[in-house]
C-alpha atoms as a PDB file:
ATOM      1  CA  MET A   1     -16.427 -83.392  10.135  1.00  0.00           C
ATOM      2  CA  LYS A   2     -14.368 -82.749   6.933  1.00  0.00           C
ATOM      3  CA  LYS A   3     -14.714 -79.045   6.188  1.00  0.00           C
ATOM      4  CA  LEU A   4     -14.067 -79.343   2.491  1.00  0.00           C
ATOM      5  CA  LYS A   5     -15.937 -82.582   1.670  1.00  0.00           C
ATOM      6  CA  GLY A   6     -16.821 -82.532  -1.991  1.00  0.00           C
ATOM      7  CA  MET A   7     -14.783 -79.434  -3.017  1.00  0.00           C
ATOM      8  CA  LYS A   8     -12.630 -79.635  -6.171  1.00  0.00           C
ATOM      9  CA  VAL A   9      -9.351 -77.853  -5.686  1.00  0.00           C
ATOM     10  CA  ALA A  10      -6.893 -77.189  -8.620  1.00  0.00           C
ATOM     11  CA  VAL A  11      -3.151 -76.911  -7.740  1.00  0.00           C
ATOM     12  CA  LEU A  12      -1.447 -74.994 -10.527  1.00  0.00           C
ATOM     13  CA  ALA A  13       2.249 -75.837 -10.593  1.00  0.00           C
ATOM     14  CA  ALA A  14       5.271 -76.377 -12.825  1.00  0.00           C
ATOM     15  CA  ASP A  15       8.790 -77.708 -12.529  1.00  0.00           C
ATOM     16  CA  GLY A  16      10.746 -75.973  -9.719  1.00  0.00           C
ATOM     17  CA  PHE A  17       7.832 -75.700  -7.279  1.00  0.00           C
ATOM     18  CA  GLU A  18       8.895 -75.534  -3.626  1.00  0.00           C
ATOM     19  CA  GLN A  19       8.428 -79.065  -2.382  1.00  0.00           C
ATOM     20  CA  VAL A  20       6.694 -78.487   0.968  1.00  0.00           C
ATOM     21  CA  GLU A  21       4.593 -75.591  -0.349  1.00  0.00           C
ATOM     22  CA  LEU A  22       2.754 -78.143  -2.538  1.00  0.00           C
ATOM     23  CA  THR A  23       2.896 -81.388  -0.649  1.00  0.00           C
ATOM     24  CA  ARG A  24       1.914 -80.117   2.813  1.00  0.00           C
ATOM     25  CA  PRO A  25      -1.141 -77.971   1.729  1.00  0.00           C
ATOM     26  CA  VAL A  26      -2.261 -80.913  -0.583  1.00  0.00           C
ATOM     27  CA  LYS A  27      -2.244 -83.331   2.263  1.00  0.00           C
ATOM     28  CA  ARG A  28      -4.219 -80.950   4.492  1.00  0.00           C
ATOM     29  CA  LEU A  29      -6.776 -80.346   1.771  1.00  0.00           C
ATOM     30  CA  GLU A  30      -7.198 -84.110   1.269  1.00  0.00           C
ATOM     31  CA  ARG A  31      -7.559 -84.634   4.955  1.00  0.00           C
ATOM     32  CA  GLU A  32     -10.396 -82.132   4.923  1.00  0.00           C
ATOM     33  CA  GLY A  33     -12.174 -84.145   2.179  1.00  0.00           C
ATOM     34  CA  ALA A  34     -11.195 -82.056  -0.880  1.00  0.00           C
ATOM     35  CA  HIS A  35     -10.538 -83.618  -4.248  1.00  0.00           C
ATOM     36  CA  VAL A  36      -7.182 -82.227  -5.380  1.00  0.00           C
ATOM     37  CA  THR A  37      -5.992 -82.050  -9.039  1.00  0.00           C
ATOM     38  CA  ILE A  38      -2.438 -81.152  -9.986  1.00  0.00           C
ATOM     39  CA  VAL A  39      -2.642 -79.020 -13.104  1.00  0.00           C
ATOM     40  CA  SER A  40       0.541 -78.127 -15.047  1.00  0.00           C
ATOM     41  CA  LEU A  41       2.044 -77.223 -18.446  1.00  0.00           C
ATOM     42  CA  HIS A  42       2.709 -80.754 -19.606  1.00  0.00           C
ATOM     43  CA  LYS A  43       1.919 -84.343 -18.869  1.00  0.00           C
ATOM     44  CA  GLY A  44       3.883 -86.762 -16.788  1.00  0.00           C
ATOM     45  CA  ARG A  45       5.684 -85.435 -13.661  1.00  0.00           C
ATOM     46  CA  ILE A  46       7.002 -82.205 -12.411  1.00  0.00           C
ATOM     47  CA  ARG A  47      10.133 -81.764 -10.204  1.00  0.00           C
ATOM     48  CA  GLY A  48       9.963 -80.098  -6.863  1.00  0.00           C
ATOM     49  CA  MET A  49      12.783 -78.194  -5.156  1.00  0.00           C
ATOM     50  CA  ASN A  50      13.957 -77.764  -1.615  1.00  0.00           C
ATOM     51  CA  LEU A  51      15.261 -74.269  -2.061  1.00  0.00           C
ATOM     52  CA  LEU A  52      18.219 -74.924  -4.365  1.00  0.00           C
ATOM     53  CA  VAL A  53      18.344 -78.743  -4.015  1.00  0.00           C
ATOM     54  CA  PRO A  54      16.232 -80.920  -6.377  1.00  0.00           C
ATOM     55  CA  GLY A  55      13.345 -82.680  -4.661  1.00  0.00           C
ATOM     56  CA  ARG A  56      10.831 -85.369  -5.499  1.00  0.00           C
ATOM     57  CA  LYS A  57       8.669 -85.489  -8.591  1.00  0.00           C
ATOM     58  CA  VAL A  58       4.911 -85.164  -8.440  1.00  0.00           C
ATOM     59  CA  ARG A  59       2.508 -86.701 -10.899  1.00  0.00           C
ATOM     60  CA  VAL A  60       0.458 -84.288 -13.052  1.00  0.00           C
ATOM     61  CA  ASP A  61      -3.256 -85.025 -13.164  1.00  0.00           C
ATOM     62  CA  ALA A  62      -4.263 -82.696 -15.922  1.00  0.00           C
ATOM     63  CA  THR A  63      -2.665 -80.070 -18.350  1.00  0.00           C
ATOM     64  CA  LEU A  64      -3.870 -76.608 -18.887  1.00  0.00           C
ATOM     65  CA  ARG A  65      -5.178 -77.794 -22.330  1.00  0.00           C
ATOM     66  CA  ASP A  66      -7.392 -80.349 -20.607  1.00  0.00           C
ATOM     67  CA  VAL A  67      -9.110 -78.273 -17.989  1.00  0.00           C
ATOM     68  CA  LYS A  68     -10.391 -74.822 -17.346  1.00  0.00           C
ATOM     69  CA  ALA A  69     -10.854 -72.821 -14.072  1.00  0.00           C
ATOM     70  CA  ALA A  70     -14.639 -73.375 -14.081  1.00  0.00           C
ATOM     71  CA  ASP A  71     -13.993 -77.080 -13.595  1.00  0.00           C
ATOM     72  CA  PHE A  72     -12.864 -76.398 -10.086  1.00  0.00           C
ATOM     73  CA  ASP A  73     -14.087 -74.698  -6.887  1.00  0.00           C
ATOM     74  CA  ALA A  74     -10.804 -73.305  -5.555  1.00  0.00           C
ATOM     75  CA  LEU A  75      -7.163 -72.766  -6.538  1.00  0.00           C
ATOM     76  CA  LEU A  76      -3.798 -73.261  -4.757  1.00  0.00           C
ATOM     77  CA  LEU A  77      -0.650 -71.530  -6.084  1.00  0.00           C
ATOM     78  CA  PRO A  78       2.573 -72.926  -4.455  1.00  0.00           C
ATOM     79  CA  GLY A  79       5.801 -70.965  -4.848  1.00  0.00           C
ATOM     80  CA  GLY A  80       9.469 -71.813  -5.584  1.00  0.00           C
ATOM     81  CA  PHE A  81      11.833 -69.754  -7.739  1.00  0.00           C
ATOM     82  CA  MET A  82      11.212 -71.392 -11.116  1.00  0.00           C
ATOM     83  CA  ASN A  83       7.662 -72.654 -10.840  1.00  0.00           C
ATOM     84  CA  PRO A  84       5.809 -69.311 -11.062  1.00  0.00           C
ATOM     85  CA  ASP A  85       8.295 -67.963 -13.625  1.00  0.00           C
ATOM     86  CA  PHE A  86       7.490 -70.915 -15.984  1.00  0.00           C
ATOM     87  CA  LEU A  87       3.774 -70.468 -15.390  1.00  0.00           C
ATOM     88  CA  ARG A  88       3.612 -66.747 -16.079  1.00  0.00           C
ATOM     89  CA  GLN A  89       5.124 -67.273 -19.559  1.00  0.00           C
ATOM     90  CA  SER A  90       2.152 -69.420 -20.397  1.00  0.00           C
ATOM     91  CA  ALA A  91      -0.908 -67.655 -21.786  1.00  0.00           C
ATOM     92  CA  LEU A  92      -3.033 -70.696 -20.677  1.00  0.00           C
ATOM     93  CA  ALA A  93      -1.795 -70.350 -17.113  1.00  0.00           C
ATOM     94  CA  LEU A  94      -2.506 -66.599 -17.047  1.00  0.00           C
ATOM     95  CA  ASP A  95      -6.035 -67.207 -18.366  1.00  0.00           C
ATOM     96  CA  PHE A  96      -6.582 -69.893 -15.770  1.00  0.00           C
ATOM     97  CA  VAL A  97      -5.839 -67.655 -12.921  1.00  0.00           C
ATOM     98  CA  LYS A  98      -7.753 -64.708 -14.425  1.00  0.00           C
ATOM     99  CA  ASP A  99     -10.858 -66.924 -14.871  1.00  0.00           C
ATOM    100  CA  ALA A 100     -10.554 -68.328 -11.315  1.00  0.00           C
ATOM    101  CA  ASP A 101     -10.495 -64.829  -9.899  1.00  0.00           C
ATOM    102  CA  LEU A 102     -13.257 -63.590 -12.196  1.00  0.00           C
ATOM    103  CA  LEU A 103     -15.466 -66.501 -10.852  1.00  0.00           C
ATOM    104  CA  ASP A 104     -14.568 -65.283  -7.353  1.00  0.00           C
ATOM    105  CA  GLN A 105     -13.067 -68.618  -6.507  1.00  0.00           C
ATOM    106  CA  PRO A 106     -10.936 -68.716  -3.305  1.00  0.00           C
ATOM    107  CA  ILE A 107      -7.265 -68.547  -4.153  1.00  0.00           C
ATOM    108  CA  ALA A 108      -4.464 -69.524  -1.753  1.00  0.00           C
ATOM    109  CA  VAL A 109      -0.977 -68.378  -2.784  1.00  0.00           C
ATOM    110  CA  ILE A 110       2.372 -68.611  -1.094  1.00  0.00           C
ATOM    111  CA  CYS A 111       5.986 -67.438  -1.395  1.00  0.00           C
ATOM    112  CA  HIS A 112       6.889 -66.607  -5.109  1.00  0.00           C
ATOM    113  CA  GLY A 113       3.432 -67.674  -6.225  1.00  0.00           C
ATOM    114  CA  PRO A 114       2.095 -64.102  -6.522  1.00  0.00           C
ATOM    115  CA  TRP A 115       4.409 -63.576  -9.433  1.00  0.00           C
ATOM    116  CA  LEU A 116       1.806 -65.382 -11.514  1.00  0.00           C
ATOM    117  CA  LEU A 117      -1.012 -63.059 -10.182  1.00  0.00           C
ATOM    118  CA  ALA A 118       1.192 -60.082 -11.007  1.00  0.00           C
ATOM    119  CA  SER A 119       1.745 -61.148 -14.638  1.00  0.00           C
ATOM    120  CA  ALA A 120      -2.029 -61.790 -14.926  1.00  0.00           C
ATOM    121  CA  GLY A 121      -2.651 -58.169 -14.053  1.00  0.00           C
ATOM    122  CA  LEU A 122      -4.609 -58.999 -10.923  1.00  0.00           C
ATOM    123  CA  LEU A 123      -2.682 -57.186  -8.123  1.00  0.00           C
ATOM    124  CA  GLU A 124      -3.897 -53.602  -8.556  1.00  0.00           C
ATOM    125  CA  GLY A 125      -5.260 -52.513  -5.175  1.00  0.00           C
ATOM    126  CA  ARG A 126      -5.007 -55.976  -3.553  1.00  0.00           C
ATOM    127  CA  HIS A 127      -3.554 -56.707  -0.146  1.00  0.00           C
ATOM    128  CA  LEU A 128      -1.153 -59.565   0.206  1.00  0.00           C
ATOM    129  CA  THR A 129       2.111 -60.894   1.356  1.00  0.00           C
ATOM    130  CA  SER A 130       4.823 -62.949  -0.401  1.00  0.00           C
ATOM    131  CA  TRP A 131       8.450 -63.987  -0.137  1.00  0.00           C
ATOM    132  CA  PRO A 132      10.104 -60.724   1.049  1.00  0.00           C
ATOM    133  CA  GLY A 133      12.478 -60.788  -1.908  1.00  0.00           C
ATOM    134  CA  ILE A 134       9.761 -60.001  -4.343  1.00  0.00           C
ATOM    135  CA  ARG A 135       8.007 -57.258  -2.321  1.00  0.00           C
ATOM    136  CA  ASN A 136       9.124 -54.583  -4.870  1.00  0.00           C
ATOM    137  CA  ASP A 137       7.535 -56.642  -7.688  1.00  0.00           C
ATOM    138  CA  MET A 138       4.335 -56.836  -5.767  1.00  0.00           C
ATOM    139  CA  GLU A 139       4.241 -53.136  -5.110  1.00  0.00           C
ATOM    140  CA  ASN A 140       5.214 -52.268  -8.660  1.00  0.00           C
ATOM    141  CA  ALA A 141       2.276 -54.324  -9.797  1.00  0.00           C
ATOM    142  CA  GLY A 142      -0.051 -52.172  -7.619  1.00  0.00           C
ATOM    143  CA  ALA A 143      -0.442 -54.394  -4.539  1.00  0.00           C
ATOM    144  CA  HIS A 144      -0.434 -53.280  -0.865  1.00  0.00           C
ATOM    145  CA  TRP A 145       2.358 -55.563   0.543  1.00  0.00           C
ATOM    146  CA  THR A 146       2.429 -56.570   4.276  1.00  0.00           C
ATOM    147  CA  ASP A 147       5.156 -58.394   6.103  1.00  0.00           C
ATOM    148  CA  GLU A 148       2.766 -60.802   7.900  1.00  0.00           C
ATOM    149  CA  PRO A 149       2.481 -64.620   8.131  1.00  0.00           C
ATOM    150  CA  VAL A 150      -0.869 -64.590   6.572  1.00  0.00           C
ATOM    151  CA  VAL A 151      -2.839 -61.880   4.669  1.00  0.00           C
ATOM    152  CA  ARG A 152      -6.509 -62.269   3.810  1.00  0.00           C
ATOM    153  CA  ASP A 153      -8.090 -60.044   1.108  1.00  0.00           C
ATOM    154  CA  GLY A 154     -11.522 -61.074  -0.091  1.00  0.00           C
ATOM    155  CA  ASN A 155     -11.183 -64.339  -1.975  1.00  0.00           C
ATOM    156  CA  TRP A 156      -7.424 -64.475  -1.584  1.00  0.00           C
ATOM    157  CA  VAL A 157      -5.238 -65.679   1.295  1.00  0.00           C
ATOM    158  CA  SER A 158      -1.371 -65.322   0.945  1.00  0.00           C
ATOM    159  CA  SER A 159       1.691 -66.215   3.016  1.00  0.00           C
ATOM    160  CA  ARG A 160       5.386 -65.511   2.908  1.00  0.00           C
ATOM    161  CA  GLY A 161       7.059 -68.998   2.662  1.00  0.00           C
ATOM    162  CA  PRO A 162       7.600 -72.360   4.173  1.00  0.00           C
ATOM    163  CA  HIS A 163       8.063 -70.987   7.685  1.00  0.00           C
ATOM    164  CA  ASP A 164       4.488 -69.861   7.550  1.00  0.00           C
ATOM    165  CA  LEU A 165       3.010 -73.160   6.398  1.00  0.00           C
ATOM    166  CA  LEU A 166       1.094 -73.981   9.586  1.00  0.00           C
ATOM    167  CA  ALA A 167      -0.710 -70.586   9.511  1.00  0.00           C
ATOM    168  CA  PHE A 168      -1.172 -70.696   5.731  1.00  0.00           C
ATOM    169  CA  GLU A 169      -2.769 -74.136   5.831  1.00  0.00           C
ATOM    170  CA  HIS A 170      -5.240 -73.064   8.542  1.00  0.00           C
ATOM    171  CA  ALA A 171      -6.117 -69.891   6.692  1.00  0.00           C
ATOM    172  CA  MET A 172      -6.475 -71.736   3.493  1.00  0.00           C
ATOM    173  CA  VAL A 173      -8.937 -74.217   4.859  1.00  0.00           C
ATOM    174  CA  GLU A 174     -10.948 -71.489   6.587  1.00  0.00           C
ATOM    175  CA  LEU A 175     -11.224 -69.519   3.273  1.00  0.00           C
ATOM    176  CA  PHE A 176     -12.118 -72.493   1.258  1.00  0.00           C
ATOM    177  CA  ALA A 177     -14.719 -73.639   3.772  1.00  0.00           C
ATOM    178  CA  GLU A 178     -16.320 -70.148   3.807  1.00  0.00           C
ATOM    179  CA  ARG A 179     -16.494 -70.191   0.051  1.00  0.00           C
ATOM    180  CA  MET A 180     -18.194 -73.632  -0.176  1.00  0.00           C
ATOM    181  CA  SER A 181     -21.053 -72.952  -2.519  1.00  0.00           C
ATOM    182  CA  PRO A 182     -24.597 -74.492  -1.892  1.00  0.00           C
ATOM    183  CA  ALA A 183     -24.022 -76.791  -4.910  1.00  0.00           C
ATOM    184  CA  ILE A 184     -20.840 -78.202  -3.275  1.00  0.00           C
ATOM    185  CA  ALA A 185     -22.598 -78.641  -0.015  1.00  0.00           C
ATOM    186  CA  ARG A 186     -25.439 -80.534  -1.700  1.00  0.00           C
ATOM    187  CA  ARG A 187     -22.895 -82.711  -3.604  1.00  0.00           C
ATOM    188  CA  SER A 188     -21.125 -83.392  -0.289  1.00  0.00           C
ATOM    189  CA  THR A 189     -24.409 -84.331   1.377  1.00  0.00           C
ATOM    190  CA  ALA A 190     -25.380 -86.706  -1.425  1.00  0.00           C
ATOM    191  CA  GLU A 191     -22.053 -88.525  -1.290  1.00  0.00           C
ATOM    192  CA  ALA A 192     -22.339 -88.902   2.464  1.00  0.00           C
ATOM    193  CA  ALA A 193     -25.825 -90.282   2.334  1.00  0.00           C
ATOM    194  CA  PRO A 194     -26.028 -94.054   3.166  1.00  0.00           C
ATOM    195  CA  ARG A 195     -26.296 -96.299   0.169  1.00  0.00           C
ATOM    196  CA  TRP A 196     -28.496 -99.475   0.543  1.00  0.00           C
ATOM    197  CA  PRO A 197     -27.208-102.678  -0.877  1.00  0.00           C
ATOM    198  CA  ARG A 198     -29.031-103.338  -4.202  1.00  0.00           C
ATOM    199  CA  TRP A 199     -30.873-106.441  -2.873  1.00  0.00           C
ATOM    200  CA  LEU A 200     -32.103-104.500   0.200  1.00  0.00           C
ATOM    201  CA  ALA A 201     -33.094-101.419  -1.874  1.00  0.00           C
ATOM    202  CA  GLY A 202     -35.093-103.670  -4.148  1.00  0.00           C
ATOM    203  CA  GLY A 203     -36.727-105.383  -1.171  1.00  0.00           C
ATOM    204  CA  LEU A 204     -37.765-102.079   0.397  1.00  0.00           C
ATOM    205  CA  ALA A 205     -39.167-100.862  -2.992  1.00  0.00           C
ATOM    206  CA  ALA A 206     -41.184-104.026  -3.319  1.00  0.00           C
ATOM    207  CA  ALA A 207     -42.479-103.739   0.220  1.00  0.00           C
ATOM    208  CA  ALA A 208     -43.482-100.172  -0.450  1.00  0.00           C
ATOM    209  CA  THR A 209     -45.356-101.223  -3.532  1.00  0.00           C
ATOM    210  CA  LEU A 210     -47.216-103.986  -1.704  1.00  0.00           C
ATOM    211  CA  GLY A 211     -48.181-101.481   0.988  1.00  0.00           C
ATOM    212  CA  LEU A 212     -49.681 -99.201  -1.610  1.00  0.00           C
ATOM    213  CA  VAL A 213     -51.544-102.129  -3.147  1.00  0.00           C
ATOM    214  CA  ALA A 214     -52.946-103.220   0.229  1.00  0.00           C
ATOM    215  CA  ARG A 215     -54.145 -99.661   1.047  1.00  0.00           C
ATOM    216  CA  GLY A 216     -55.775 -99.415  -2.351  1.00  0.00           C
ATOM    217  CA  ARG A 217     -57.700-102.743  -1.698  1.00  0.00           C
ATOM    218  CA  LYS A 218     -58.942-101.480   1.665  1.00  0.00           C
ATOM    219  CA  ALA A 219     -60.189 -98.186   0.038  1.00  0.00           C
ATOM    220  CA  LEU A 220     -62.159-100.310  -2.479  1.00  0.00           C
ATOM    221  CA  VAL A 221     -63.810-102.347   0.357  1.00  0.00           C
END
């Protein structure tokens, strides 16, 4: 059974995202039945990185001018050196993550991704982890930083980097599944319901109508 069937997940990323921190979690989300939308600063494609080596480009599905946090059920923030730095300079990106957190949406963040949360003013009193090199940034923003593969705090789950991806993906799916709202569950159930061919559905409706007519005639007799 797909745990995230019917869930709409936004992946907020810009040029310079760490390749595997986007592609691997996205594949896992899609395997679990989630509908994933890559949201970015501009249309077209964004370039991934493998540490310092340019990676593949990924197609952008929507820009921050096209969508809002309320259009989605969950949020994934990949890392990379440049990606979160570009995003935190965008007022639209900051508003997007603020709104997602205000809506109590589940947020999965990894590596340098928490930079965006720091710039949005969301770290005060929160427990998380990140790439160790930005520990001071996290603590200066008011977070309680822990050197662990995965840290769960309410609607957030965070990890340190690519070496934690297996644990991160598992924790992300579990968090997102726990936060599946009744509305999403109903949407998932409706999509999974069998759909009769049009000719068969029409025949069944006609048969039901004839049955009602026949019962009516008997009642009159």
